[in-house]
Amino acid sequence: MQEQNVINFFLEELELKLEWYKYITSTGKRKNMGSEFAKFARENLPEQESINPLKYQYLKQNFPSSYAIDDYVIIARR
């Protein structure tokens, strides 16, 4: 599961231990917006300059994103 791996890797770099995490959304469920949203985002939304370097480093994705990433609540401890 890529999501869990990214969270664990991020927390390891901060020398923290995961206690709990939850994906949050206003709709209550994830939706696959499909290729139409990806096309819309590429054509109409600015690149995410702060997020793209993190995606390259942690997700090994070598292409820019033009849309938001998911939101999470993460509780961790030292």
Protein backbone atom coordinates (compact mmCIF):
# COMPACT_ATOMS: atom_id res chain seq x y z
CA MET A 1 0.00 0.00 0.00
CA GLN A 2 1.72 3.15 -1.23
CA GLU A 3 -0.16 5.41 1.18
CA GLN A 4 1.02 3.55 4.27
CA ASN A 5 4.60 3.36 2.94
CA VAL A 6 4.76 7.12 2.33
CA ILE A 7 3.43 7.91 5.80
CA ASN A 8 5.88 5.51 7.44
CA PHE A 9 8.83 6.84 5.44
CA PHE A 10 7.91 10.43 6.27
CA LEU A 11 7.63 9.69 9.98
CA GLU A 12 10.90 7.73 10.00
CA GLU A 13 12.69 10.77 8.59
CA LEU A 14 11.24 12.83 11.44
CA GLU A 15 12.17 10.08 13.93
CA LEU A 16 8.53 9.65 14.95
CA LYS A 17 6.38 6.57 15.47
CA LEU A 18 2.94 6.34 13.98
CA GLU A 19 0.10 6.15 16.48
CA TRP A 20 -2.84 6.67 14.13
CA TYR A 21 -3.77 8.23 10.82
CA LYS A 22 -6.98 8.87 8.92
CA TYR A 23 -7.78 10.07 5.44
CA ILE A 24 -10.20 12.98 5.61
CA THR A 25 -12.55 14.33 3.02
CA SER A 26 -15.71 16.39 2.89
CA THR A 27 -17.53 13.65 0.96
CA GLY A 28 -16.79 10.80 3.37
CA LYS A 29 -15.37 8.56 0.64
CA ARG A 30 -12.73 8.58 -2.04
CA LYS A 31 -13.79 9.05 -5.61
CA ASN A 32 -11.83 8.27 -8.73
CA MET A 33 -12.33 11.34 -10.84
CA GLY A 34 -10.89 9.58 -13.87
CA SER A 35 -9.01 10.96 -16.83
CA GLU A 36 -11.39 13.87 -17.32
CA PHE A 37 -10.29 15.45 -14.03
CA ALA A 38 -6.62 14.85 -14.84
CA LYS A 39 -7.08 16.56 -18.21
CA PHE A 40 -8.98 19.46 -16.61
CA ALA A 41 -6.26 19.87 -13.95
CA ARG A 42 -3.41 19.88 -16.48
CA GLU A 43 -5.17 22.46 -18.63
CA ASN A 44 -6.62 24.74 -15.94
CA LEU A 45 -4.83 24.46 -12.60
CA PRO A 46 -1.33 25.67 -11.71
CA GLU A 47 1.41 23.20 -10.87
CA GLN A 48 1.82 22.50 -7.17
CA GLU A 49 5.31 23.96 -6.73
CA SER A 50 5.59 22.99 -3.04
CA ILE A 51 4.15 19.51 -3.45
CA ASN A 52 5.94 18.37 -6.60
CA PRO A 53 9.42 18.07 -5.01
CA LEU A 54 7.91 15.91 -2.26
CA LYS A 55 6.19 13.70 -4.83
CA TYR A 56 9.45 13.25 -6.70
CA GLN A 57 11.29 12.32 -3.50
CA TYR A 58 8.74 10.19 -1.67
CA LEU A 59 6.55 8.77 -4.41
CA LYS A 60 9.24 8.52 -7.11
CA GLN A 61 6.89 10.24 -9.55
CA ASN A 62 8.74 12.15 -12.23
CA PHE A 63 5.90 14.25 -13.55
CA PRO A 64 4.38 17.44 -12.09
CA SER A 65 0.94 17.61 -10.52
CA SER A 66 -1.53 20.36 -11.20
CA TYR A 67 -4.01 19.46 -8.49
CA ALA A 68 -4.26 18.93 -4.76
CA ILE A 69 -3.23 15.86 -2.81
CA ASP A 70 -5.32 14.03 -0.23
CA ASP A 71 -5.59 15.31 3.33
CA TYR A 72 -4.73 13.25 6.39
CA VAL A 73 -4.71 13.58 10.13
CA ILE A 74 -1.55 11.91 11.44
CA ILE A 75 -0.81 11.34 15.11
CA ALA A 76 2.74 10.33 15.91
CA ARG A 77 5.09 10.33 18.90
CA ARG A 78 8.81 10.42 19.58
